[in-house]
Amino acid sequence: LLAEFFGVDESELGANKEKSYNASPSLLADEDFVA
């Protein structure tokens, strides 16, 4: 969720590279997104 919010790869937040994905900017990066 945090990677999607910031539009970064999960590996930047501690995931193994092979298990992460390249997050792309989307509605999840909206500051008004509520979980």
ModelCIF file with pLDDT and N, C-alpha, C, O atoms, coordinates in Angstrom:
data_MODEL
#
_entry.id   MODEL 
#
_entity.id                         1 
_entity.type                       polymer 
_entity.pdbx_number_of_molecules   1 
#
_entity_poly.entity_id                      1 
_entity_poly.type                           'polypeptide(L)' 
_entity_poly.nstd_linkage                   no 
_entity_poly.nstd_monomer                   no 
_entity_poly.pdbx_seq_one_letter_code       LLAEFFGVDESELGANKEKSYNASPSLLADEDFVA 
_entity_poly.pdbx_seq_one_letter_code_can   LLAEFFGVDESELGANKEKSYNASPSLLADEDFVA 
_entity_poly.pdbx_strand_id                 A 
#
loop_
_entity_poly_seq.entity_id 
_entity_poly_seq.num 
_entity_poly_seq.mon_id 
_entity_poly_seq.hetero 
1 1  LEU n 
1 2  LEU n 
1 3  ALA n 
1 4  GLU n 
1 5  PHE n 
1 6  PHE n 
1 7  GLY n 
1 8  VAL n 
1 9  ASP n 
1 10 GLU n 
1 11 SER n 
1 12 GLU n 
1 13 LEU n 
1 14 GLY n 
1 15 ALA n 
1 16 ASN n 
1 17 LYS n 
1 18 GLU n 
1 19 LYS n 
1 20 SER n 
1 21 TYR n 
1 22 ASN n 
1 23 ALA n 
1 24 SER n 
1 25 PRO n 
1 26 SER n 
1 27 LEU n 
1 28 LEU n 
1 29 ALA n 
1 30 ASP n 
1 31 GLU n 
1 32 ASP n 
1 33 PHE n 
1 34 VAL n 
1 35 ALA n 
#
_struct_asym.id          A 
_struct_asym.entity_id   1 
#
loop_
_ma_qa_metric.id 
_ma_qa_metric.mode 
_ma_qa_metric.name 
_ma_qa_metric.software_group_id 
_ma_qa_metric.type 
1 global pLDDT . pLDDT 
2 local  pLDDT . pLDDT 
#
_ma_qa_metric_global.metric_id      1 
_ma_qa_metric_global.metric_value   65.83 
_ma_qa_metric_global.model_id       1 
_ma_qa_metric_global.ordinal_id     1 
#
loop_
_ma_qa_metric_local.label_asym_id 
_ma_qa_metric_local.label_comp_id 
_ma_qa_metric_local.label_seq_id 
_ma_qa_metric_local.metric_id 
_ma_qa_metric_local.metric_value 
_ma_qa_metric_local.model_id 
_ma_qa_metric_local.ordinal_id 
A LEU 1  2 84.00 1 1  
A LEU 2  2 88.00 1 2  
A ALA 3  2 85.00 1 3  
A GLU 4  2 80.00 1 4  
A PHE 5  2 83.00 1 5  
A PHE 6  2 85.00 1 6  
A GLY 7  2 84.00 1 7  
A VAL 8  2 86.00 1 8  
A ASP 9  2 86.00 1 9  
A GLU 10 2 85.00 1 10 
A SER 11 2 87.00 1 11 
A GLU 12 2 88.00 1 12 
A LEU 13 2 90.00 1 13 
A GLY 14 2 85.00 1 14 
A ALA 15 2 79.00 1 15 
A ASN 16 2 73.00 1 16 
A LYS 17 2 57.00 1 17 
A GLU 18 2 44.00 1 18 
A LYS 19 2 44.00 1 19 
A SER 20 2 41.00 1 20 
A TYR 21 2 39.00 1 21 
A ASN 22 2 41.00 1 22 
A ALA 23 2 40.00 1 23 
A SER 24 2 40.00 1 24 
A PRO 25 2 38.00 1 25 
A SER 26 2 41.00 1 26 
A LEU 27 2 39.00 1 27 
A LEU 28 2 41.00 1 28 
A ALA 29 2 43.00 1 29 
A ASP 30 2 45.00 1 30 
A GLU 31 2 51.00 1 31 
A ASP 32 2 69.00 1 32 
A PHE 33 2 75.00 1 33 
A VAL 34 2 84.00 1 34 
A ALA 35 2 84.00 1 35 
#
loop_
_atom_site.group_PDB 
_atom_site.id 
_atom_site.type_symbol 
_atom_site.label_atom_id 
_atom_site.label_alt_id 
_atom_site.label_comp_id 
_atom_site.label_asym_id 
_atom_site.label_entity_id 
_atom_site.label_seq_id 
_atom_site.pdbx_PDB_ins_code 
_atom_site.Cartn_x 
_atom_site.Cartn_y 
_atom_site.Cartn_z 
_atom_site.occupancy 
_atom_site.B_iso_or_equiv 
_atom_site.pdbx_formal_charge 
_atom_site.auth_seq_id 
_atom_site.auth_comp_id 
_atom_site.auth_asym_id 
_atom_site.auth_atom_id 
_atom_site.pdbx_PDB_model_num 
ATOM 1   N N  . LEU A 1 1  ? 0.821  -1.210  0.000   1.00 84.00 ? 1  LEU A N  1 
ATOM 2   C CA . LEU A 1 1  ? 0.000  0.000   0.000   1.00 84.00 ? 1  LEU A CA 1 
ATOM 3   C C  . LEU A 1 1  ? 0.858  1.264   0.000   1.00 84.00 ? 1  LEU A C  1 
ATOM 4   O O  . LEU A 1 1  ? 0.558  2.227   -0.706  1.00 84.00 ? 1  LEU A O  1 
ATOM 5   N N  . LEU A 1 2  ? 1.915  1.253   0.789   1.00 88.00 ? 2  LEU A N  1 
ATOM 6   C CA . LEU A 1 2  ? 2.777  2.427   0.852   1.00 88.00 ? 2  LEU A CA 1 
ATOM 7   C C  . LEU A 1 2  ? 3.515  2.638   -0.472  1.00 88.00 ? 2  LEU A C  1 
ATOM 8   O O  . LEU A 1 2  ? 3.650  3.770   -0.937  1.00 88.00 ? 2  LEU A O  1 
ATOM 9   N N  . ALA A 1 3  ? 3.991  1.545   -1.079  1.00 85.00 ? 3  ALA A N  1 
ATOM 10  C CA . ALA A 1 3  ? 4.669  1.657   -2.369  1.00 85.00 ? 3  ALA A CA 1 
ATOM 11  C C  . ALA A 1 3  ? 3.727  2.211   -3.422  1.00 85.00 ? 3  ALA A C  1 
ATOM 12  O O  . ALA A 1 3  ? 4.132  3.045   -4.232  1.00 85.00 ? 3  ALA A O  1 
ATOM 13  N N  . GLU A 1 4  ? 2.472  1.761   -3.427  1.00 80.00 ? 4  GLU A N  1 
ATOM 14  C CA . GLU A 1 4  ? 1.484  2.262   -4.378  1.00 80.00 ? 4  GLU A CA 1 
ATOM 15  C C  . GLU A 1 4  ? 1.192  3.733   -4.119  1.00 80.00 ? 4  GLU A C  1 
ATOM 16  O O  . GLU A 1 4  ? 1.043  4.521   -5.053  1.00 80.00 ? 4  GLU A O  1 
ATOM 17  N N  . PHE A 1 5  ? 1.114  4.091   -2.856  1.00 83.00 ? 5  PHE A N  1 
ATOM 18  C CA . PHE A 1 5  ? 0.820  5.486   -2.503  1.00 83.00 ? 5  PHE A CA 1 
ATOM 19  C C  . PHE A 1 5  ? 1.922  6.417   -3.002  1.00 83.00 ? 5  PHE A C  1 
ATOM 20  O O  . PHE A 1 5  ? 1.644  7.487   -3.545  1.00 83.00 ? 5  PHE A O  1 
ATOM 21  N N  . PHE A 1 6  ? 3.183  5.996   -2.813  1.00 85.00 ? 6  PHE A N  1 
ATOM 22  C CA . PHE A 1 6  ? 4.299  6.851   -3.208  1.00 85.00 ? 6  PHE A CA 1 
ATOM 23  C C  . PHE A 1 6  ? 4.693  6.675   -4.675  1.00 85.00 ? 6  PHE A C  1 
ATOM 24  O O  . PHE A 1 6  ? 5.449  7.485   -5.211  1.00 85.00 ? 6  PHE A O  1 
ATOM 25  N N  . GLY A 1 7  ? 4.184  5.617   -5.333  1.00 84.00 ? 7  GLY A N  1 
ATOM 26  C CA . GLY A 1 7  ? 4.547  5.370   -6.717  1.00 84.00 ? 7  GLY A CA 1 
ATOM 27  C C  . GLY A 1 7  ? 5.978  4.894   -6.870  1.00 84.00 ? 7  GLY A C  1 
ATOM 28  O O  . GLY A 1 7  ? 6.672  5.281   -7.810  1.00 84.00 ? 7  GLY A O  1 
ATOM 29  N N  . VAL A 1 8  ? 6.427  4.036   -5.923  1.00 86.00 ? 8  VAL A N  1 
ATOM 30  C CA . VAL A 1 8  ? 7.791  3.511   -5.977  1.00 86.00 ? 8  VAL A CA 1 
ATOM 31  C C  . VAL A 1 8  ? 7.753  1.991   -5.981  1.00 86.00 ? 8  VAL A C  1 
ATOM 32  O O  . VAL A 1 8  ? 6.706  1.386   -5.748  1.00 86.00 ? 8  VAL A O  1 
ATOM 33  N N  . ASP A 1 9  ? 8.899  1.381   -6.246  1.00 86.00 ? 9  ASP A N  1 
ATOM 34  C CA . ASP A 1 9  ? 9.020  -0.068  -6.185  1.00 86.00 ? 9  ASP A CA 1 
ATOM 35  C C  . ASP A 1 9  ? 9.045  -0.510  -4.729  1.00 86.00 ? 9  ASP A C  1 
ATOM 36  O O  . ASP A 1 9  ? 9.607  0.174   -3.874  1.00 86.00 ? 9  ASP A O  1 
ATOM 37  N N  . GLU A 1 10 ? 8.437  -1.649  -4.453  1.00 85.00 ? 10 GLU A N  1 
ATOM 38  C CA . GLU A 1 10 ? 8.410  -2.172  -3.077  1.00 85.00 ? 10 GLU A CA 1 
ATOM 39  C C  . GLU A 1 10 ? 9.803  -2.407  -2.521  1.00 85.00 ? 10 GLU A C  1 
ATOM 40  O O  . GLU A 1 10 ? 9.996  -2.370  -1.306  1.00 85.00 ? 10 GLU A O  1 
ATOM 41  N N  . SER A 1 11 ? 10.783 -2.650  -3.392  1.00 87.00 ? 11 SER A N  1 
ATOM 42  C CA . SER A 1 11 ? 12.140 -2.914  -2.922  1.00 87.00 ? 11 SER A CA 1 
ATOM 43  C C  . SER A 1 11 ? 12.716 -1.725  -2.161  1.00 87.00 ? 11 SER A C  1 
ATOM 44  O O  . SER A 1 11 ? 13.602 -1.891  -1.322  1.00 87.00 ? 11 SER A O  1 
ATOM 45  N N  . GLU A 1 12 ? 12.215 -0.529  -2.452  1.00 88.00 ? 12 GLU A N  1 
ATOM 46  C CA . GLU A 1 12 ? 12.687 0.658   -1.734  1.00 88.00 ? 12 GLU A CA 1 
ATOM 47  C C  . GLU A 1 12 ? 12.219 0.660   -0.284  1.00 88.00 ? 12 GLU A C  1 
ATOM 48  O O  . GLU A 1 12 ? 12.765 1.385   0.547   1.00 88.00 ? 12 GLU A O  1 
ATOM 49  N N  . LEU A 1 13 ? 11.215 -0.147  0.018   1.00 90.00 ? 13 LEU A N  1 
ATOM 50  C CA . LEU A 1 13 ? 10.674 -0.221  1.377   1.00 90.00 ? 13 LEU A CA 1 
ATOM 51  C C  . LEU A 1 13 ? 10.936 -1.575  2.023   1.00 90.00 ? 13 LEU A C  1 
ATOM 52  O O  . LEU A 1 13 ? 10.280 -1.945  2.997   1.00 90.00 ? 13 LEU A O  1 
ATOM 53  N N  . GLY A 1 14 ? 11.892 -2.308  1.477   1.00 85.00 ? 14 GLY A N  1 
ATOM 54  C CA . GLY A 1 14 ? 12.335 -3.518  2.150   1.00 85.00 ? 14 GLY A CA 1 
ATOM 55  C C  . GLY A 1 14 ? 12.000 -4.825  1.489   1.00 85.00 ? 14 GLY A C  1 
ATOM 56  O O  . GLY A 1 14 ? 12.377 -5.875  2.009   1.00 85.00 ? 14 GLY A O  1 
ATOM 57  N N  . ALA A 1 15 ? 11.295 -4.817  0.341   1.00 79.00 ? 15 ALA A N  1 
ATOM 58  C CA . ALA A 1 15 ? 10.946 -6.077  -0.326  1.00 79.00 ? 15 ALA A CA 1 
ATOM 59  C C  . ALA A 1 15 ? 12.132 -6.601  -1.108  1.00 79.00 ? 15 ALA A C  1 
ATOM 60  O O  . ALA A 1 15 ? 12.970 -5.828  -1.572  1.00 79.00 ? 15 ALA A O  1 
ATOM 61  N N  . ASN A 1 16 ? 12.205 -7.931  -1.257  1.00 73.00 ? 16 ASN A N  1 
ATOM 62  C CA . ASN A 1 16 ? 13.181 -8.510  -2.164  1.00 73.00 ? 16 ASN A CA 1 
ATOM 63  C C  . ASN A 1 16 ? 12.821 -8.104  -3.572  1.00 73.00 ? 16 ASN A C  1 
ATOM 64  O O  . ASN A 1 16 ? 11.646 -8.093  -3.938  1.00 73.00 ? 16 ASN A O  1 
ATOM 65  N N  . LYS A 1 17 ? 13.823 -7.769  -4.365  1.00 57.00 ? 17 LYS A N  1 
ATOM 66  C CA . LYS A 1 17 ? 13.576 -7.253  -5.713  1.00 57.00 ? 17 LYS A CA 1 
ATOM 67  C C  . LYS A 1 17 ? 12.757 -8.221  -6.553  1.00 57.00 ? 17 LYS A C  1 
ATOM 68  O O  . LYS A 1 17 ? 11.880 -7.804  -7.309  1.00 57.00 ? 17 LYS A O  1 
ATOM 69  N N  . GLU A 1 18 ? 13.046 -9.532  -6.421  1.00 44.00 ? 18 GLU A N  1 
ATOM 70  C CA . GLU A 1 18 ? 12.350 -10.492 -7.265  1.00 44.00 ? 18 GLU A CA 1 
ATOM 71  C C  . GLU A 1 18 ? 10.898 -10.664 -6.872  1.00 44.00 ? 18 GLU A C  1 
ATOM 72  O O  . GLU A 1 18 ? 10.112 -11.205 -7.650  1.00 44.00 ? 18 GLU A O  1 
ATOM 73  N N  . LYS A 1 19 ? 10.518 -10.211 -5.666  1.00 44.00 ? 19 LYS A N  1 
ATOM 74  C CA . LYS A 1 19 ? 9.142  -10.347 -5.219  1.00 44.00 ? 19 LYS A CA 1 
ATOM 75  C C  . LYS A 1 19 ? 8.372  -9.046  -5.320  1.00 44.00 ? 19 LYS A C  1 
ATOM 76  O O  . LYS A 1 19 ? 7.179  -8.998  -5.020  1.00 44.00 ? 19 LYS A O  1 
ATOM 77  N N  . SER A 1 20 ? 9.048  -7.998  -5.740  1.00 41.00 ? 20 SER A N  1 
ATOM 78  C CA . SER A 1 20 ? 8.377  -6.703  -5.813  1.00 41.00 ? 20 SER A CA 1 
ATOM 79  C C  . SER A 1 20 ? 7.935  -6.427  -7.230  1.00 41.00 ? 20 SER A C  1 
ATOM 80  O O  . SER A 1 20 ? 8.199  -7.218  -8.136  1.00 41.00 ? 20 SER A O  1 
ATOM 81  N N  . TYR A 1 21 ? 7.272  -5.322  -7.424  1.00 39.00 ? 21 TYR A N  1 
ATOM 82  C CA . TYR A 1 21 ? 6.825  -4.930  -8.745  1.00 39.00 ? 21 TYR A CA 1 
ATOM 83  C C  . TYR A 1 21 ? 7.037  -3.441  -8.899  1.00 39.00 ? 21 TYR A C  1 
ATOM 84  O O  . TYR A 1 21 ? 7.199  -2.727  -7.910  1.00 39.00 ? 21 TYR A O  1 
ATOM 85  N N  . ASN A 1 22 ? 7.038  -2.977  -10.111 1.00 41.00 ? 22 ASN A N  1 
ATOM 86  C CA . ASN A 1 22 ? 7.225  -1.554  -10.377 1.00 41.00 ? 22 ASN A CA 1 
ATOM 87  C C  . ASN A 1 22 ? 5.893  -0.853  -10.275 1.00 41.00 ? 22 ASN A C  1 
ATOM 88  O O  . ASN A 1 22 ? 5.048  -0.959  -11.163 1.00 41.00 ? 22 ASN A O  1 
ATOM 89  N N  . ALA A 1 23 ? 5.716  -0.144  -9.196  1.00 40.00 ? 23 ALA A N  1 
ATOM 90  C CA . ALA A 1 23 ? 4.457  0.576   -9.016  1.00 40.00 ? 23 ALA A CA 1 
ATOM 91  C C  . ALA A 1 23 ? 4.438  1.780   -9.941  1.00 40.00 ? 23 ALA A C  1 
ATOM 92  O O  . ALA A 1 23 ? 5.458  2.444   -10.129 1.00 40.00 ? 23 ALA A O  1 
ATOM 93  N N  . SER A 1 24 ? 3.297  2.056   -10.507 1.00 40.00 ? 24 SER A N  1 
ATOM 94  C CA . SER A 1 24 ? 3.157  3.217   -11.367 1.00 40.00 ? 24 SER A CA 1 
ATOM 95  C C  . SER A 1 24 ? 2.166  4.170   -10.737 1.00 40.00 ? 24 SER A C  1 
ATOM 96  O O  . SER A 1 24 ? 1.268  3.738   -10.016 1.00 40.00 ? 24 SER A O  1 
ATOM 97  N N  . PRO A 1 25 ? 2.311  5.465   -10.996 1.00 38.00 ? 25 PRO A N  1 
ATOM 98  C CA . PRO A 1 25 ? 1.369  6.426   -10.419 1.00 38.00 ? 25 PRO A CA 1 
ATOM 99  C C  . PRO A 1 25 ? -0.056 6.067   -10.809 1.00 38.00 ? 25 PRO A C  1 
ATOM 100 O O  . PRO A 1 25 ? -0.322 5.720   -11.960 1.00 38.00 ? 25 PRO A O  1 
ATOM 101 N N  . SER A 1 26 ? -0.952 6.148   -9.871  1.00 41.00 ? 26 SER A N  1 
ATOM 102 C CA . SER A 1 26 ? -2.345 5.797   -10.111 1.00 41.00 ? 26 SER A CA 1 
ATOM 103 C C  . SER A 1 26 ? -3.195 6.510   -9.089  1.00 41.00 ? 26 SER A C  1 
ATOM 104 O O  . SER A 1 26 ? -2.716 7.370   -8.349  1.00 41.00 ? 26 SER A O  1 
ATOM 105 N N  . LEU A 1 27 ? -4.467 6.144   -9.056  1.00 39.00 ? 27 LEU A N  1 
ATOM 106 C CA . LEU A 1 27 ? -5.347 6.731   -8.048  1.00 39.00 ? 27 LEU A CA 1 
ATOM 107 C C  . LEU A 1 27 ? -4.884 6.402   -6.651  1.00 39.00 ? 27 LEU A C  1 
ATOM 108 O O  . LEU A 1 27 ? -5.210 7.116   -5.703  1.00 39.00 ? 27 LEU A O  1 
ATOM 109 N N  . LEU A 1 28 ? -4.098 5.289   -6.503  1.00 41.00 ? 28 LEU A N  1 
ATOM 110 C CA . LEU A 1 28 ? -3.621 4.919   -5.180  1.00 41.00 ? 28 LEU A CA 1 
ATOM 111 C C  . LEU A 1 28 ? -2.626 5.949   -4.653  1.00 41.00 ? 28 LEU A C  1 
ATOM 112 O O  . LEU A 1 28 ? -2.377 6.004   -3.449  1.00 41.00 ? 28 LEU A O  1 
ATOM 113 N N  . ALA A 1 29 ? -2.060 6.759   -5.529  1.00 43.00 ? 29 ALA A N  1 
ATOM 114 C CA . ALA A 1 29 ? -1.122 7.779   -5.099  1.00 43.00 ? 29 ALA A CA 1 
ATOM 115 C C  . ALA A 1 29 ? -1.830 9.072   -4.711  1.00 43.00 ? 29 ALA A C  1 
ATOM 116 O O  . ALA A 1 29 ? -1.177 10.057  -4.367  1.00 43.00 ? 29 ALA A O  1 
ATOM 117 N N  . ASP A 1 30 ? -3.125 9.076   -4.762  1.00 45.00 ? 30 ASP A N  1 
ATOM 118 C CA . ASP A 1 30 ? -3.929 10.234  -4.372  1.00 45.00 ? 30 ASP A CA 1 
ATOM 119 C C  . ASP A 1 30 ? -3.789 10.454  -2.879  1.00 45.00 ? 30 ASP A C  1 
ATOM 120 O O  . ASP A 1 30 ? -3.970 9.513   -2.106  1.00 45.00 ? 30 ASP A O  1 
ATOM 121 N N  . GLU A 1 31 ? -3.475 11.660  -2.451  1.00 51.00 ? 31 GLU A N  1 
ATOM 122 C CA . GLU A 1 31 ? -3.325 11.934  -1.031  1.00 51.00 ? 31 GLU A CA 1 
ATOM 123 C C  . GLU A 1 31 ? -4.639 11.735  -0.288  1.00 51.00 ? 31 GLU A C  1 
ATOM 124 O O  . GLU A 1 31 ? -4.648 11.621  0.937   1.00 51.00 ? 31 GLU A O  1 
ATOM 125 N N  . ASP A 1 32 ? -5.758 11.693  -1.027  1.00 69.00 ? 32 ASP A N  1 
ATOM 126 C CA . ASP A 1 32 ? -7.067 11.521  -0.403  1.00 69.00 ? 32 ASP A CA 1 
ATOM 127 C C  . ASP A 1 32 ? -7.495 10.066  -0.391  1.00 69.00 ? 32 ASP A C  1 
ATOM 128 O O  . ASP A 1 32 ? -8.657 9.763   -0.123  1.00 69.00 ? 32 ASP A O  1 
ATOM 129 N N  . PHE A 1 33 ? -6.570 9.166   -0.677  1.00 75.00 ? 33 PHE A N  1 
ATOM 130 C CA . PHE A 1 33 ? -6.848 7.738   -0.642  1.00 75.00 ? 33 PHE A CA 1 
ATOM 131 C C  . PHE A 1 33 ? -6.997 7.286   0.803   1.00 75.00 ? 33 PHE A C  1 
ATOM 132 O O  . PHE A 1 33 ? -6.187 7.647   1.657   1.00 75.00 ? 33 PHE A O  1 
ATOM 133 N N  . VAL A 1 34 ? -8.038 6.492   1.081   1.00 84.00 ? 34 VAL A N  1 
ATOM 134 C CA . VAL A 1 34 ? -8.294 5.997   2.432   1.00 84.00 ? 34 VAL A CA 1 
ATOM 135 C C  . VAL A 1 34 ? -8.337 4.475   2.413   1.00 84.00 ? 34 VAL A C  1 
ATOM 136 O O  . VAL A 1 34 ? -9.018 3.878   1.579   1.00 84.00 ? 34 VAL A O  1 
ATOM 137 N N  . ALA A 1 35 ? -7.616 3.853   3.326   1.00 84.00 ? 35 ALA A N  1 
ATOM 138 C CA . ALA A 1 35 ? -7.596 2.395   3.423   1.00 84.00 ? 35 ALA A CA 1 
ATOM 139 C C  . ALA A 1 35 ? -8.622 1.938   4.458   1.00 84.00 ? 35 ALA A C  1 
ATOM 140 O O  . ALA A 1 35 ? -8.767 0.739   4.696   1.00 84.00 ? 35 ALA A O  1 
#
